[in-house]
Amino acid sequence: MYILTLEGREDQGAYSVTNEEGRQVLYLFEEEDDCDRFAMMLEERENHPDLNVIEVDDNLIVKTCQLHGYEYAVITGNDLVIPPENDNL
C-alpha cells in the first residue's frame, strides 16, 4: 500500500481527510499510480506543499492504525477519490 507524506518530512505524519463525524481518516492506496494521481491533484492547488508517495507494508500499517485507534480507508483501483477542500497533513 501507499500513503502520502510531506516531502522531506516523511517521519512526521501522513495525509488524512476529515470524515463526516470530524475524525481523521488515513488514506491507504492499493496502487502507486492512484496515489501519485491524488498527490498531483493536491499539488495543483495554490500554496499546497509538495508530497511524497511512500510504500508501506499492508499488514503493518493496518495494525498500527488499529493499535492507535486511527481510522483508515483503503483506496482500491476501482475507487475514485477527489481531494476535499480542506485536507490535513
Protein backbone atom coordinates (compact mmCIF):
# COMPACT_ATOMS: atom_id res chain seq x y z
CA MET A 1 0.00 0.00 0.00
CA TYR A 2 0.97 3.62 -0.40
CA ILE A 3 0.48 6.76 1.69
CA LEU A 4 1.21 10.45 1.17
CA THR A 5 3.57 12.48 3.35
CA LEU A 6 5.07 15.94 3.19
CA GLU A 7 8.23 15.85 1.11
CA GLY A 8 11.26 15.97 3.38
CA ARG A 9 9.17 15.29 6.49
CA GLU A 10 8.15 11.69 5.89
CA ASP A 11 8.63 10.78 9.54
CA GLN A 12 6.20 13.43 10.80
CA GLY A 13 2.85 12.03 9.71
CA ALA A 14 0.76 11.17 6.69
CA TYR A 15 -2.03 12.71 4.65
CA SER A 16 -5.53 12.28 6.06
CA VAL A 17 -9.00 13.66 5.45
CA THR A 18 -11.71 14.66 7.89
CA ASN A 19 -14.81 12.45 7.68
CA GLU A 20 -18.43 13.45 8.30
CA GLU A 21 -18.01 12.89 12.06
CA GLY A 22 -14.98 15.18 12.22
CA ARG A 23 -12.44 12.36 12.66
CA GLN A 24 -9.22 11.99 10.70
CA VAL A 25 -9.07 9.14 8.18
CA LEU A 26 -5.77 7.96 6.72
CA TYR A 27 -5.93 7.13 3.00
CA LEU A 28 -4.18 3.87 2.11
CA PHE A 29 -3.84 3.44 -1.64
CA GLU A 30 -3.50 -0.06 -3.08
CA GLU A 31 -1.97 1.24 -6.33
CA GLU A 32 1.02 3.58 -6.52
CA ASP A 33 -0.35 5.24 -9.69
CA ASP A 34 -3.57 6.16 -7.89
CA CYS A 35 -1.61 7.64 -5.01
CA ASP A 36 0.54 9.63 -7.46
CA ARG A 37 -2.54 10.99 -9.25
CA PHE A 38 -4.14 12.02 -5.97
CA ALA A 39 -0.90 13.78 -4.94
CA MET A 40 -0.82 15.65 -8.26
CA MET A 41 -4.41 16.85 -7.75
CA LEU A 42 -3.46 18.16 -4.31
CA GLU A 43 -0.25 19.79 -5.52
CA GLU A 44 -2.13 21.67 -8.25
CA ARG A 45 -3.72 23.77 -5.53
CA GLU A 46 -2.16 27.11 -4.81
CA ASN A 47 0.38 27.02 -1.98
CA HIS A 48 -0.01 23.29 -1.38
CA PRO A 49 3.23 21.69 -0.17
CA ASP A 50 5.00 19.03 -2.21
CA LEU A 51 4.06 15.49 -1.33
CA ASN A 52 5.93 12.22 -1.36
CA VAL A 53 4.45 8.78 -2.05
CA ILE A 54 5.69 6.18 0.43
CA GLU A 55 5.22 2.43 0.14
CA VAL A 56 4.18 0.82 3.42
CA ASP A 57 3.66 -2.77 4.49
CA ASP A 58 -0.06 -3.57 4.23
CA ASN A 59 -0.36 -5.55 7.45
CA LEU A 60 1.90 -3.25 9.46
CA ILE A 61 0.06 -0.03 8.58
CA VAL A 62 -3.37 -1.56 9.27
CA LYS A 63 -2.20 -3.00 12.62
CA THR A 64 -0.61 0.35 13.54
CA CYS A 65 -3.86 2.17 12.79
CA GLN A 66 -5.86 -0.32 14.83
CA LEU A 67 -3.42 -0.23 17.73
CA HIS A 68 -3.59 3.57 17.98
CA GLY A 69 -7.29 3.90 17.18
CA TYR A 70 -6.70 5.67 13.85
CA GLU A 71 -9.35 5.40 11.18
CA TYR A 72 -8.24 4.46 7.68
CA ALA A 73 -9.73 3.88 4.25
CA VAL A 74 -8.27 1.51 1.68
CA ILE A 75 -8.48 3.11 -1.76
CA THR A 76 -8.65 0.39 -4.43
CA GLY A 77 -8.04 0.70 -8.14
CA ASN A 78 -11.83 0.82 -8.62
CA ASP A 79 -12.33 3.82 -6.31
CA LEU A 80 -12.48 7.41 -7.48
CA VAL A 81 -11.31 9.86 -4.83
CA ILE A 82 -11.19 13.61 -5.21
CA PRO A 83 -9.31 15.72 -2.69
CA PRO A 84 -11.59 17.56 -0.28
CA GLU A 85 -11.40 21.32 0.02
CA ASN A 86 -9.75 21.07 3.44
CA ASP A 87 -7.07 18.43 3.71
CA ASN A 88 -4.70 17.52 6.52
CA LEU A 89 -1.04 16.68 6.74
